[in-house]
Amino acid sequence: MAFSEDLLPSAFAPWVSDTWERMQCPPDYPAVAAMVALAGVVGRQIAVGPQAETDWLVIPNLWGLLVGRPGLLKSPAMDAMLTPLKRLAQEAADSFVTTQAEHEAALLAHKLRREAMGKTARQKLAKDPTADISKELLLPPPEPPQLKRYLSSDSSVEALGELLRQNPDGLLVHRDEIMSLLGSTQSSRLGRIWFAQRSWQTRPVERNGRHPDQGEDNPNRKGVAGNGRV
């Protein structure tokens, strides 16, 4: 069955068409890569309701695999469509540098406040040993910033679980050779568990191989893109 651009969102069709015409590669290569890149950005923000009269929602994982003999421009086509995603990742990294500096300043301010409030608490206790100093002691530290991740290209199952915990909307797992991803997921018991899970059962994975109980069904989502040879 020949590929049809009618299968694409109208905003993507000109971009995909321009890419494959310039590269002279099969049109479905950039089309598949573009849709998986989109899935990596959208993630858990959109769900599918399979049943009209229930609240059952499914947030699907989208897999894309480019298959062809060497020389068909699989990798260049995929790289071209992932360029906007890589640009977003770079912008997020640049923003994180600024946010990290602000966090370090907030930590210093927190330390100084704790010291000042500690002095106040000691003064209260000196006057009245039964004084309530809970207000002076309850000063939580600022939350550390999290780097927004859009792509992961070489993560272990454990590291990917941590990335998904930090990025609950999901991200894109990109491997130039899909067999490297399949091999890594099948090389350990934890990897086989991760690979076999149905999409709505996926949970963040701890380094000890356990799935923490979050108290609610809050699955992380990931798009997957890769190449295969024939």
N, C-alpha and C. Protein backbone atom coordinates (compact mmCIF):
# COMPACT_ATOMS: atom_id res chain seq x y z
N MET A 1 0.84 -1.19 0.00
CA MET A 1 0.00 0.00 0.00
C MET A 1 0.88 1.24 0.00
N ALA A 2 0.70 2.11 -0.98
CA ALA A 2 1.50 3.31 -1.10
C ALA A 2 1.15 4.30 0.00
N PHE A 3 2.15 5.04 0.45
CA PHE A 3 1.93 6.03 1.49
C PHE A 3 1.16 7.23 0.92
N SER A 4 0.22 7.75 1.71
CA SER A 4 -0.56 8.91 1.30
C SER A 4 -0.39 10.03 2.31
N GLU A 5 -0.12 11.23 1.84
CA GLU A 5 0.02 12.37 2.73
C GLU A 5 -1.30 12.75 3.40
N ASP A 6 -2.40 12.20 2.91
CA ASP A 6 -3.69 12.45 3.55
C ASP A 6 -3.73 11.87 4.96
N LEU A 7 -2.83 10.95 5.27
CA LEU A 7 -2.77 10.37 6.60
C LEU A 7 -2.17 11.33 7.63
N LEU A 8 -1.52 12.38 7.17
CA LEU A 8 -0.82 13.30 8.05
C LEU A 8 -1.71 14.47 8.46
N PRO A 9 -1.43 15.08 9.62
CA PRO A 9 -2.08 16.35 9.94
C PRO A 9 -1.76 17.38 8.87
N SER A 10 -2.70 18.26 8.57
CA SER A 10 -2.51 19.21 7.48
C SER A 10 -1.29 20.11 7.70
N ALA A 11 -0.96 20.39 8.97
CA ALA A 11 0.19 21.24 9.25
C ALA A 11 1.51 20.52 8.97
N PHE A 12 1.49 19.19 8.96
CA PHE A 12 2.72 18.42 8.77
C PHE A 12 2.97 18.07 7.31
N ALA A 13 1.93 17.99 6.50
CA ALA A 13 2.06 17.49 5.13
C ALA A 13 3.09 18.28 4.31
N PRO A 14 3.06 19.61 4.28
CA PRO A 14 4.06 20.33 3.48
C PRO A 14 5.49 20.10 3.97
N TRP A 15 5.66 20.05 5.28
CA TRP A 15 6.99 19.82 5.86
C TRP A 15 7.54 18.45 5.46
N VAL A 16 6.71 17.44 5.61
CA VAL A 16 7.12 16.08 5.26
C VAL A 16 7.39 15.97 3.76
N SER A 17 6.50 16.55 2.95
CA SER A 17 6.67 16.48 1.50
C SER A 17 7.95 17.16 1.06
N ASP A 18 8.25 18.32 1.62
CA ASP A 18 9.49 19.03 1.27
C ASP A 18 10.72 18.22 1.66
N THR A 19 10.65 17.54 2.80
CA THR A 19 11.80 16.77 3.28
C THR A 19 12.12 15.59 2.36
N TRP A 20 11.09 14.79 2.05
CA TRP A 20 11.39 13.59 1.26
C TRP A 20 11.73 13.95 -0.19
N GLU A 21 11.16 15.05 -0.71
CA GLU A 21 11.50 15.44 -2.08
C GLU A 21 12.94 15.93 -2.16
N ARG A 22 13.39 16.68 -1.16
CA ARG A 22 14.77 17.15 -1.17
C ARG A 22 15.76 16.01 -0.95
N MET A 23 15.40 15.07 -0.07
CA MET A 23 16.30 13.96 0.24
C MET A 23 16.19 12.82 -0.76
N GLN A 24 15.06 12.77 -1.48
CA GLN A 24 14.80 11.65 -2.37
C GLN A 24 14.82 10.32 -1.61
N CYS A 25 14.12 10.33 -0.48
CA CYS A 25 13.97 9.12 0.32
C CYS A 25 12.50 8.71 0.29
N PRO A 26 12.16 7.50 0.74
CA PRO A 26 10.75 7.11 0.80
C PRO A 26 9.96 8.11 1.65
N PRO A 27 8.79 8.55 1.20
CA PRO A 27 8.04 9.59 1.93
C PRO A 27 7.58 9.16 3.31
N ASP A 28 7.40 7.85 3.51
CA ASP A 28 6.93 7.43 4.83
C ASP A 28 8.01 7.55 5.89
N TYR A 29 9.29 7.66 5.50
CA TYR A 29 10.36 7.80 6.51
C TYR A 29 10.20 9.11 7.30
N PRO A 30 10.19 10.27 6.63
CA PRO A 30 9.99 11.49 7.41
C PRO A 30 8.60 11.58 8.03
N ALA A 31 7.60 10.97 7.40
CA ALA A 31 6.25 11.01 7.95
C ALA A 31 6.18 10.29 9.30
N VAL A 32 6.73 9.09 9.35
CA VAL A 32 6.74 8.32 10.60
C VAL A 32 7.53 9.05 11.68
N ALA A 33 8.70 9.57 11.31
CA ALA A 33 9.54 10.26 12.29
C ALA A 33 8.85 11.51 12.82
N ALA A 34 8.15 12.23 11.96
CA ALA A 34 7.45 13.45 12.39
C ALA A 34 6.35 13.12 13.38
N MET A 35 5.58 12.07 13.12
CA MET A 35 4.48 11.72 14.01
C MET A 35 4.98 11.23 15.37
N VAL A 36 6.08 10.48 15.37
CA VAL A 36 6.63 10.01 16.65
C VAL A 36 7.21 11.17 17.44
N ALA A 37 7.86 12.12 16.73
CA ALA A 37 8.37 13.31 17.41
C ALA A 37 7.23 14.09 18.05
N LEU A 38 6.13 14.22 17.33
CA LEU A 38 4.95 14.90 17.87
C LEU A 38 4.44 14.18 19.11
N ALA A 39 4.40 12.86 19.05
CA ALA A 39 3.93 12.08 20.20
C ALA A 39 4.83 12.30 21.41
N GLY A 40 6.15 12.45 21.16
CA GLY A 40 7.07 12.67 22.26
C GLY A 40 6.82 14.00 22.97
N VAL A 41 6.34 15.00 22.22
CA VAL A 41 6.04 16.30 22.82
C VAL A 41 4.68 16.30 23.50
N VAL A 42 3.69 15.70 22.85
CA VAL A 42 2.33 15.71 23.40
C VAL A 42 2.23 14.84 24.64
N GLY A 43 2.78 13.62 24.56
CA GLY A 43 2.81 12.74 25.72
C GLY A 43 1.45 12.51 26.36
N ARG A 44 1.37 12.77 27.67
CA ARG A 44 0.17 12.48 28.44
C ARG A 44 -0.87 13.60 28.39
N GLN A 45 -0.65 14.59 27.55
CA GLN A 45 -1.58 15.70 27.50
C GLN A 45 -2.87 15.36 26.74
N ILE A 46 -2.84 14.27 26.01
CA ILE A 46 -4.02 13.83 25.25
C ILE A 46 -4.26 12.36 25.54
N ALA A 47 -5.52 12.01 25.79
CA ALA A 47 -5.88 10.62 26.08
C ALA A 47 -6.97 10.16 25.12
N VAL A 48 -7.12 8.85 25.02
CA VAL A 48 -8.16 8.23 24.20
C VAL A 48 -9.18 7.60 25.13
N GLY A 49 -10.45 7.88 24.87
CA GLY A 49 -11.52 7.27 25.64
C GLY A 49 -12.18 6.16 24.84
N PRO A 50 -11.78 4.88 25.04
CA PRO A 50 -12.33 3.79 24.22
C PRO A 50 -13.83 3.56 24.40
N GLN A 51 -14.37 3.92 25.54
CA GLN A 51 -15.78 3.69 25.82
C GLN A 51 -16.48 5.02 26.06
N ALA A 52 -17.62 5.20 25.40
CA ALA A 52 -18.30 6.49 25.42
C ALA A 52 -18.91 6.81 26.78
N GLU A 53 -19.32 5.80 27.52
CA GLU A 53 -20.08 6.07 28.75
C GLU A 53 -19.33 5.66 30.01
N THR A 54 -18.01 5.59 29.94
CA THR A 54 -17.19 5.34 31.13
C THR A 54 -16.07 6.36 31.18
N ASP A 55 -15.39 6.42 32.32
CA ASP A 55 -14.27 7.35 32.46
C ASP A 55 -12.93 6.69 32.15
N TRP A 56 -12.95 5.55 31.48
CA TRP A 56 -11.73 4.83 31.13
C TRP A 56 -10.96 5.62 30.08
N LEU A 57 -9.73 5.99 30.41
CA LEU A 57 -8.87 6.71 29.49
C LEU A 57 -7.58 5.94 29.26
N VAL A 58 -7.10 5.94 28.06
CA VAL A 58 -5.84 5.30 27.69
C VAL A 58 -4.95 6.34 27.03
N ILE A 59 -3.71 6.43 27.50
CA ILE A 59 -2.74 7.33 26.88
C ILE A 59 -1.73 6.46 26.15
N PRO A 60 -1.84 6.35 24.85
CA PRO A 60 -1.02 5.37 24.12
C PRO A 60 0.43 5.81 23.96
N ASN A 61 1.31 4.81 23.87
CA ASN A 61 2.69 5.02 23.47
C ASN A 61 2.78 4.80 21.96
N LEU A 62 3.44 5.71 21.26
CA LEU A 62 3.57 5.59 19.81
C LEU A 62 4.98 5.14 19.45
N TRP A 63 5.07 4.03 18.73
CA TRP A 63 6.35 3.50 18.27
C TRP A 63 6.48 3.76 16.77
N GLY A 64 7.67 4.15 16.33
CA GLY A 64 7.94 4.33 14.91
C GLY A 64 9.22 3.61 14.53
N LEU A 65 9.19 2.83 13.47
CA LEU A 65 10.35 2.06 13.04
C LEU A 65 10.52 2.22 11.53
N LEU A 66 11.69 2.70 11.12
CA LEU A 66 12.00 2.84 9.70
C LEU A 66 12.79 1.61 9.26
N VAL A 67 12.24 0.88 8.31
CA VAL A 67 12.85 -0.36 7.86
C VAL A 67 13.25 -0.23 6.39
N GLY A 68 14.47 -0.62 6.07
CA GLY A 68 14.91 -0.58 4.68
C GLY A 68 16.37 -0.98 4.57
N ARG A 69 16.81 -1.22 3.38
CA ARG A 69 18.19 -1.62 3.15
C ARG A 69 19.12 -0.43 3.38
N PRO A 70 20.41 -0.66 3.59
CA PRO A 70 21.36 0.45 3.75
C PRO A 70 21.34 1.37 2.54
N GLY A 71 21.47 2.68 2.79
CA GLY A 71 21.53 3.65 1.71
C GLY A 71 20.20 4.29 1.36
N LEU A 72 19.11 3.93 2.05
CA LEU A 72 17.81 4.51 1.79
C LEU A 72 17.55 5.78 2.59
N LEU A 73 18.57 6.27 3.30
CA LEU A 73 18.49 7.53 4.04
C LEU A 73 17.53 7.47 5.22
N LYS A 74 17.52 6.34 5.91
CA LYS A 74 16.66 6.23 7.10
C LYS A 74 17.09 7.21 8.19
N SER A 75 18.38 7.17 8.54
CA SER A 75 18.87 8.04 9.62
C SER A 75 18.78 9.52 9.27
N PRO A 76 19.19 9.95 8.06
CA PRO A 76 19.05 11.38 7.74
C PRO A 76 17.60 11.85 7.76
N ALA A 77 16.67 11.02 7.29
CA ALA A 77 15.26 11.41 7.30
C ALA A 77 14.76 11.58 8.73
N MET A 78 15.14 10.64 9.60
CA MET A 78 14.70 10.74 10.98
C MET A 78 15.34 11.94 11.67
N ASP A 79 16.62 12.17 11.44
CA ASP A 79 17.31 13.30 12.06
C ASP A 79 16.68 14.62 11.64
N ALA A 80 16.29 14.71 10.38
CA ALA A 80 15.68 15.95 9.89
C ALA A 80 14.38 16.26 10.61
N MET A 81 13.57 15.23 10.88
CA MET A 81 12.28 15.46 11.52
C MET A 81 12.41 15.64 13.03
N LEU A 82 13.54 15.21 13.59
CA LEU A 82 13.75 15.39 15.03
C LEU A 82 14.43 16.72 15.35
N THR A 83 14.78 17.49 14.31
CA THR A 83 15.46 18.77 14.54
C THR A 83 14.65 19.72 15.42
N PRO A 84 13.34 19.89 15.21
CA PRO A 84 12.59 20.78 16.10
C PRO A 84 12.59 20.29 17.55
N LEU A 85 12.56 18.98 17.73
CA LEU A 85 12.59 18.42 19.09
C LEU A 85 13.94 18.70 19.75
N LYS A 86 15.01 18.57 18.97
CA LYS A 86 16.34 18.86 19.51
C LYS A 86 16.48 20.35 19.84
N ARG A 87 15.82 21.19 19.07
CA ARG A 87 15.86 22.63 19.36
C ARG A 87 15.15 22.91 20.68
N LEU A 88 14.01 22.27 20.89
CA LEU A 88 13.30 22.43 22.17
C LEU A 88 14.17 21.94 23.33
N ALA A 89 14.86 20.83 23.11
CA ALA A 89 15.73 20.29 24.16
C ALA A 89 16.84 21.26 24.50
N GLN A 90 17.42 21.91 23.48
CA GLN A 90 18.50 22.87 23.73
C GLN A 90 17.97 24.10 24.47
N GLU A 91 16.79 24.57 24.09
CA GLU A 91 16.19 25.71 24.79
C GLU A 91 15.92 25.36 26.24
N ALA A 92 15.45 24.14 26.49
CA ALA A 92 15.19 23.72 27.86
C ALA A 92 16.49 23.64 28.66
N ALA A 93 17.56 23.16 28.03
CA ALA A 93 18.85 23.08 28.71
C ALA A 93 19.38 24.46 29.05
N ASP A 94 19.24 25.42 28.12
CA ASP A 94 19.68 26.79 28.37
C ASP A 94 18.89 27.41 29.51
N SER A 95 17.58 27.18 29.49
CA SER A 95 16.73 27.71 30.56
C SER A 95 17.07 27.09 31.91
N PHE A 96 17.44 25.82 31.89
CA PHE A 96 17.76 25.12 33.13
C PHE A 96 19.00 25.71 33.80
N VAL A 97 19.96 26.17 33.01
CA VAL A 97 21.16 26.79 33.58
C VAL A 97 20.78 28.01 34.41
N THR A 98 19.89 28.83 33.87
CA THR A 98 19.43 30.01 34.61
C THR A 98 18.64 29.62 35.84
N THR A 99 17.75 28.64 35.67
CA THR A 99 16.92 28.19 36.79
C THR A 99 17.77 27.59 37.89
N GLN A 100 18.81 26.87 37.51
CA GLN A 100 19.71 26.25 38.49
C GLN A 100 20.44 27.32 39.30
N ALA A 101 20.88 28.39 38.64
CA ALA A 101 21.54 29.49 39.35
C ALA A 101 20.58 30.16 40.32
N GLU A 102 19.33 30.33 39.89
CA GLU A 102 18.33 30.92 40.78
C GLU A 102 18.06 30.01 41.98
N HIS A 103 18.09 28.71 41.74
CA HIS A 103 17.86 27.76 42.83
C HIS A 103 18.99 27.81 43.85
N GLU A 104 20.22 27.93 43.38
CA GLU A 104 21.35 28.03 44.30
C GLU A 104 21.25 29.28 45.16
N ALA A 105 20.79 30.39 44.56
CA ALA A 105 20.58 31.61 45.33
C ALA A 105 19.46 31.42 46.36
N ALA A 106 18.40 30.71 45.95
CA ALA A 106 17.30 30.44 46.88
C ALA A 106 17.75 29.55 48.03
N LEU A 107 18.64 28.59 47.75
CA LEU A 107 19.16 27.73 48.82
C LEU A 107 19.97 28.54 49.83
N LEU A 108 20.76 29.49 49.33
CA LEU A 108 21.54 30.34 50.23
C LEU A 108 20.62 31.20 51.09
N ALA A 109 19.58 31.75 50.46
CA ALA A 109 18.62 32.56 51.21
C ALA A 109 17.91 31.70 52.26
N HIS A 110 17.60 30.46 51.91
CA HIS A 110 16.95 29.55 52.86
C HIS A 110 17.86 29.27 54.06
N LYS A 111 19.14 29.07 53.78
CA LYS A 111 20.09 28.81 54.86
C LYS A 111 20.17 30.00 55.81
N LEU A 112 20.21 31.21 55.26
CA LEU A 112 20.29 32.41 56.09
C LEU A 112 19.01 32.58 56.91
N ARG A 113 17.86 32.29 56.30
CA ARG A 113 16.60 32.40 57.05
C ARG A 113 16.56 31.39 58.18
N ARG A 114 17.03 30.17 57.90
CA ARG A 114 17.05 29.16 58.95
C ARG A 114 17.93 29.59 60.13
N GLU A 115 19.08 30.17 59.80
CA GLU A 115 19.97 30.62 60.86
C GLU A 115 19.32 31.73 61.69
N ALA A 116 18.66 32.69 60.99
CA ALA A 116 18.00 33.78 61.70
C ALA A 116 16.84 33.28 62.55
N MET A 117 16.06 32.36 62.00
CA MET A 117 14.92 31.82 62.75
C MET A 117 15.38 30.93 63.89
N GLY A 118 16.55 30.29 63.71
CA GLY A 118 17.10 29.51 64.81
C GLY A 118 17.46 30.39 65.99
N LYS A 119 18.03 31.56 65.70
CA LYS A 119 18.34 32.50 66.76
C LYS A 119 17.07 32.97 67.47
N THR A 120 16.04 33.25 66.67
CA THR A 120 14.76 33.67 67.25
C THR A 120 14.19 32.58 68.13
N ALA A 121 14.28 31.33 67.67
CA ALA A 121 13.75 30.22 68.47
C ALA A 121 14.51 30.08 69.79
N ARG A 122 15.84 30.22 69.76
CA ARG A 122 16.62 30.12 70.99
C ARG A 122 16.27 31.24 71.97
N GLN A 123 16.03 32.44 71.45
CA GLN A 123 15.65 33.55 72.31
C GLN A 123 14.29 33.28 72.97
N LYS A 124 13.36 32.70 72.23
CA LYS A 124 12.05 32.36 72.80
C LYS A 124 12.19 31.33 73.91
N LEU A 125 13.00 30.31 73.65
CA LEU A 125 13.17 29.25 74.63
C LEU A 125 13.90 29.75 75.88
N ALA A 126 14.79 30.73 75.70
CA ALA A 126 15.49 31.29 76.86
C ALA A 126 14.52 32.00 77.79
N LYS A 127 13.50 32.64 77.20
CA LYS A 127 12.50 33.34 78.00
C LYS A 127 11.44 32.39 78.55
N ASP A 128 11.08 31.37 77.71
CA ASP A 128 10.03 30.44 78.11
C ASP A 128 10.35 29.06 77.52
N PRO A 129 10.82 28.13 78.35
CA PRO A 129 11.19 26.79 77.85
C PRO A 129 10.04 26.05 77.18
N THR A 130 8.79 26.45 77.44
CA THR A 130 7.63 25.76 76.85
C THR A 130 7.08 26.51 75.63
N ALA A 131 7.79 27.52 75.18
CA ALA A 131 7.30 28.32 74.06
C ALA A 131 7.19 27.48 72.79
N ASP A 132 6.20 27.82 71.97
CA ASP A 132 5.99 27.13 70.68
C ASP A 132 6.93 27.72 69.64
N ILE A 133 7.87 26.92 69.18
CA ILE A 133 8.84 27.40 68.18
C ILE A 133 8.68 26.64 66.86
N SER A 134 7.53 25.99 66.69
CA SER A 134 7.32 25.20 65.47
C SER A 134 7.37 26.07 64.22
N LYS A 135 6.89 27.30 64.30
CA LYS A 135 6.90 28.18 63.14
C LYS A 135 8.32 28.47 62.69
N GLU A 136 9.22 28.62 63.67
CA GLU A 136 10.60 28.91 63.34
C GLU A 136 11.32 27.70 62.75
N LEU A 137 10.86 26.51 63.11
CA LEU A 137 11.53 25.29 62.65
C LEU A 137 10.99 24.78 61.32
N LEU A 138 9.73 25.12 61.01
CA LEU A 138 9.10 24.61 59.79
C LEU A 138 9.36 25.56 58.63
N LEU A 139 10.48 25.39 58.01
CA LEU A 139 10.84 26.20 56.85
C LEU A 139 11.40 25.26 55.79
N PRO A 140 10.53 24.73 54.93
CA PRO A 140 11.00 23.76 53.94
C PRO A 140 11.94 24.39 52.93
N PRO A 141 12.93 23.63 52.46
CA PRO A 141 13.86 24.16 51.45
C PRO A 141 13.17 24.29 50.10
N PRO A 142 13.68 25.14 49.24
CA PRO A 142 13.09 25.29 47.89
C PRO A 142 13.24 24.00 47.08
N GLU A 143 12.24 23.73 46.28
CA GLU A 143 12.28 22.53 45.44
C GLU A 143 13.34 22.69 44.35
N PRO A 144 14.16 21.67 44.15
CA PRO A 144 15.17 21.77 43.09
C PRO A 144 14.51 21.76 41.71
N PRO A 145 15.05 22.49 40.76
CA PRO A 145 14.48 22.50 39.40
C PRO A 145 14.72 21.18 38.70
N GLN A 146 13.85 20.85 37.77
CA GLN A 146 14.00 19.65 36.97
C GLN A 146 14.21 20.05 35.51
N LEU A 147 15.20 19.42 34.91
CA LEU A 147 15.45 19.68 33.49
C LEU A 147 14.37 19.03 32.65
N LYS A 148 13.68 19.82 31.84
CA LYS A 148 12.68 19.29 30.93
C LYS A 148 13.38 18.51 29.83
N ARG A 149 13.07 17.22 29.72
CA ARG A 149 13.70 16.37 28.73
C ARG A 149 12.70 16.04 27.62
N TYR A 150 13.16 16.12 26.40
CA TYR A 150 12.35 15.76 25.24
C TYR A 150 12.85 14.49 24.58
N LEU A 151 14.14 14.19 24.75
CA LEU A 151 14.77 13.07 24.05
C LEU A 151 15.64 12.27 25.00
N SER A 152 15.68 10.97 24.76
CA SER A 152 16.66 10.10 25.42
C SER A 152 17.16 9.14 24.36
N SER A 153 18.49 9.08 24.20
CA SER A 153 19.03 8.27 23.10
C SER A 153 19.83 7.07 23.56
N ASP A 154 20.22 7.02 24.82
CA ASP A 154 21.05 5.90 25.26
C ASP A 154 20.86 5.68 26.76
N SER A 155 19.65 5.38 27.18
CA SER A 155 19.35 5.24 28.61
C SER A 155 19.10 3.78 28.96
N SER A 156 19.59 3.39 30.14
CA SER A 156 19.21 2.08 30.67
C SER A 156 17.75 2.14 31.11
N VAL A 157 17.17 0.99 31.39
CA VAL A 157 15.79 0.95 31.84
C VAL A 157 15.64 1.75 33.13
N GLU A 158 16.61 1.59 34.04
CA GLU A 158 16.54 2.31 35.32
C GLU A 158 16.64 3.82 35.11
N ALA A 159 17.58 4.24 34.25
CA ALA A 159 17.74 5.67 34.00
C ALA A 159 16.52 6.24 33.30
N LEU A 160 15.94 5.47 32.39
CA LEU A 160 14.74 5.93 31.70
C LEU A 160 13.58 6.10 32.68
N GLY A 161 13.48 5.18 33.64
CA GLY A 161 12.44 5.31 34.66
C GLY A 161 12.58 6.60 35.44
N GLU A 162 13.82 6.96 35.78
CA GLU A 162 14.07 8.21 36.50
C GLU A 162 13.73 9.42 35.64
N LEU A 163 14.09 9.37 34.35
CA LEU A 163 13.76 10.47 33.45
C LEU A 163 12.24 10.66 33.34
N LEU A 164 11.51 9.55 33.29
CA LEU A 164 10.06 9.64 33.20
C LEU A 164 9.45 10.16 34.48
N ARG A 165 10.07 9.83 35.61
CA ARG A 165 9.58 10.37 36.89
C ARG A 165 9.74 11.89 36.91
N GLN A 166 10.84 12.37 36.37
CA GLN A 166 11.09 13.81 36.35
C GLN A 166 10.31 14.52 35.24
N ASN A 167 9.86 13.77 34.25
CA ASN A 167 9.12 14.35 33.12
C ASN A 167 7.81 13.58 32.94
N PRO A 168 6.84 13.84 33.80
CA PRO A 168 5.62 13.02 33.80
C PRO A 168 4.80 13.10 32.52
N ASP A 169 5.03 14.12 31.68
CA ASP A 169 4.31 14.18 30.42
C ASP A 169 4.88 13.25 29.37
N GLY A 170 6.06 12.65 29.66
CA GLY A 170 6.66 11.71 28.73
C GLY A 170 7.79 12.32 27.92
N LEU A 171 8.46 11.48 27.13
CA LEU A 171 9.55 11.92 26.26
C LEU A 171 9.72 10.91 25.13
N LEU A 172 10.64 11.23 24.23
CA LEU A 172 10.89 10.36 23.08
C LEU A 172 12.18 9.58 23.29
N VAL A 173 12.10 8.27 23.13
CA VAL A 173 13.29 7.42 23.16
C VAL A 173 13.73 7.20 21.72
N HIS A 174 14.93 7.69 21.38
CA HIS A 174 15.41 7.62 20.00
C HIS A 174 16.66 6.75 19.93
N ARG A 175 16.61 5.74 19.11
CA ARG A 175 17.78 4.90 18.83
C ARG A 175 17.98 4.81 17.33
N ASP A 176 19.19 5.05 16.87
CA ASP A 176 19.46 4.94 15.45
C ASP A 176 19.31 3.50 14.99
N GLU A 177 19.71 2.56 15.84
CA GLU A 177 19.50 1.14 15.55
C GLU A 177 18.55 0.58 16.61
N ILE A 178 17.37 0.20 16.20
CA ILE A 178 16.34 -0.21 17.15
C ILE A 178 16.75 -1.47 17.91
N MET A 179 17.61 -2.29 17.33
CA MET A 179 18.02 -3.52 18.00
C MET A 179 18.78 -3.22 19.29
N SER A 180 19.45 -2.06 19.35
CA SER A 180 20.15 -1.71 20.59
C SER A 180 19.16 -1.49 21.72
N LEU A 181 18.00 -0.90 21.41
CA LEU A 181 16.98 -0.70 22.43
C LEU A 181 16.36 -2.03 22.83
N LEU A 182 16.00 -2.84 21.84
CA LEU A 182 15.39 -4.13 22.15
C LEU A 182 16.36 -5.01 22.92
N GLY A 183 17.64 -4.96 22.57
CA GLY A 183 18.63 -5.76 23.28
C GLY A 183 18.77 -5.33 24.72
N SER A 184 18.76 -3.99 24.97
CA SER A 184 18.92 -3.51 26.34
C SER A 184 17.72 -3.86 27.20
N THR A 185 16.52 -3.89 26.61
CA THR A 185 15.34 -4.22 27.41
C THR A 185 15.24 -5.72 27.68
N GLN A 186 15.88 -6.52 26.84
CA GLN A 186 15.78 -7.97 27.03
C GLN A 186 16.97 -8.56 27.79
N SER A 187 17.97 -7.72 28.08
CA SER A 187 19.19 -8.24 28.70
C SER A 187 19.08 -8.41 30.21
N SER A 188 18.02 -7.91 30.80
CA SER A 188 17.85 -8.04 32.25
C SER A 188 16.39 -8.34 32.56
N ARG A 189 16.17 -8.88 33.74
CA ARG A 189 14.80 -9.18 34.16
C ARG A 189 13.97 -7.90 34.21
N LEU A 190 14.55 -6.83 34.75
CA LEU A 190 13.84 -5.57 34.83
C LEU A 190 13.47 -5.06 33.46
N GLY A 191 14.40 -5.18 32.50
CA GLY A 191 14.11 -4.74 31.15
C GLY A 191 12.97 -5.52 30.52
N ARG A 192 12.95 -6.84 30.76
CA ARG A 192 11.86 -7.64 30.19
C ARG A 192 10.52 -7.25 30.79
N ILE A 193 10.51 -6.92 32.08
CA ILE A 193 9.27 -6.48 32.72
C ILE A 193 8.81 -5.18 32.09
N TRP A 194 9.76 -4.23 31.93
CA TRP A 194 9.43 -2.93 31.34
C TRP A 194 8.87 -3.09 29.94
N PHE A 195 9.51 -3.97 29.14
CA PHE A 195 9.12 -4.11 27.75
C PHE A 195 7.77 -4.80 27.61
N ALA A 196 7.44 -5.68 28.54
CA ALA A 196 6.22 -6.47 28.42
C ALA A 196 4.99 -5.75 28.96
N GLN A 197 5.17 -4.68 29.70
CA GLN A 197 4.04 -4.02 30.31
C GLN A 197 3.12 -3.41 29.27
N ARG A 198 1.83 -3.47 29.56
CA ARG A 198 0.88 -2.78 28.71
C ARG A 198 0.97 -1.29 29.01
N SER A 199 0.57 -0.47 28.04
CA SER A 199 0.81 0.97 28.15
C SER A 199 0.19 1.57 29.39
N TRP A 200 -1.01 1.14 29.79
CA TRP A 200 -1.66 1.79 30.93
C TRP A 200 -1.16 1.26 32.27
N GLN A 201 -0.23 0.31 32.26
CA GLN A 201 0.32 -0.20 33.50
C GLN A 201 1.73 0.32 33.77
N THR A 202 2.28 1.11 32.84
CA THR A 202 3.66 1.55 32.98
C THR A 202 3.82 2.46 34.18
N ARG A 203 4.86 2.23 34.99
CA ARG A 203 5.16 3.04 36.16
C ARG A 203 6.63 3.44 36.11
N PRO A 204 7.01 4.50 36.83
CA PRO A 204 8.43 4.78 36.99
C PRO A 204 9.14 3.59 37.61
N VAL A 205 10.38 3.36 37.23
CA VAL A 205 11.13 2.20 37.70
C VAL A 205 12.25 2.65 38.61
N GLU A 206 12.30 2.11 39.82
CA GLU A 206 13.38 2.42 40.72
C GLU A 206 14.63 1.64 40.33
N ARG A 207 15.79 2.07 40.80
CA ARG A 207 17.04 1.42 40.43
C ARG A 207 17.13 0.00 40.98
N ASN A 208 16.35 -0.31 42.04
CA ASN A 208 16.36 -1.66 42.57
C ASN A 208 15.37 -2.57 41.84
N GLY A 209 14.72 -2.01 40.81
CA GLY A 209 13.84 -2.83 40.00
C GLY A 209 12.40 -2.84 40.44
N ARG A 210 12.06 -2.14 41.52
CA ARG A 210 10.69 -2.13 41.98
C ARG A 210 9.94 -0.94 41.40
N HIS A 211 8.63 -1.06 41.34
CA HIS A 211 7.79 0.03 40.88
C HIS A 211 7.16 0.68 42.10
N PRO A 212 7.48 1.95 42.39
CA PRO A 212 6.90 2.60 43.56
C PRO A 212 5.41 2.76 43.43
N ASP A 213 4.70 2.56 44.51
CA ASP A 213 3.25 2.71 44.52
C ASP A 213 2.92 4.19 44.66
N GLN A 214 2.40 4.79 43.61
CA GLN A 214 2.11 6.20 43.63
C GLN A 214 0.72 6.50 44.17
N GLY A 215 -0.05 5.47 44.45
CA GLY A 215 -1.37 5.69 45.00
C GLY A 215 -2.42 6.02 43.96
N GLU A 216 -2.03 6.14 42.70
CA GLU A 216 -2.99 6.42 41.64
C GLU A 216 -2.40 5.92 40.33
N ASP A 217 -3.28 5.76 39.34
CA ASP A 217 -2.82 5.32 38.04
C ASP A 217 -2.28 6.52 37.29
N ASN A 218 -0.98 6.73 37.35
CA ASN A 218 -0.35 7.89 36.75
C ASN A 218 0.78 7.44 35.84
N PRO A 219 0.45 6.75 34.74
CA PRO A 219 1.49 6.17 33.90
C PRO A 219 2.29 7.22 33.16
N ASN A 220 3.57 6.92 32.93
CA ASN A 220 4.41 7.77 32.11
C ASN A 220 4.38 7.28 30.69
N ARG A 221 4.51 8.19 29.76
CA ARG A 221 4.39 7.85 28.35
C ARG A 221 5.68 8.16 27.61
N LYS A 222 5.92 7.38 26.59
CA LYS A 222 7.11 7.60 25.80
C LYS A 222 6.84 7.26 24.34
N GLY A 223 7.32 8.08 23.43
CA GLY A 223 7.35 7.72 22.03
C GLY A 223 8.68 7.01 21.77
N VAL A 224 8.72 6.14 20.80
CA VAL A 224 9.94 5.40 20.48
C VAL A 224 10.18 5.47 18.99
N ALA A 225 11.40 5.87 18.61
CA ALA A 225 11.76 5.96 17.20
C ALA A 225 13.08 5.22 16.99
N GLY A 226 13.16 4.50 15.87
CA GLY A 226 14.41 3.77 15.59
C GLY A 226 14.44 3.31 14.14
N ASN A 227 15.59 2.75 13.76
CA ASN A 227 15.79 2.24 12.40
C ASN A 227 16.04 0.74 12.44
N GLY A 228 15.65 0.06 11.39
CA GLY A 228 15.95 -1.36 11.23
C GLY A 228 16.38 -1.66 9.81
N ARG A 229 17.22 -2.64 9.68
CA ARG A 229 17.70 -2.99 8.33
C ARG A 229 17.09 -4.29 7.87
N VAL A 230 17.02 -4.42 6.53
CA VAL A 230 16.54 -5.67 5.96
C VAL A 230 17.62 -6.18 4.99
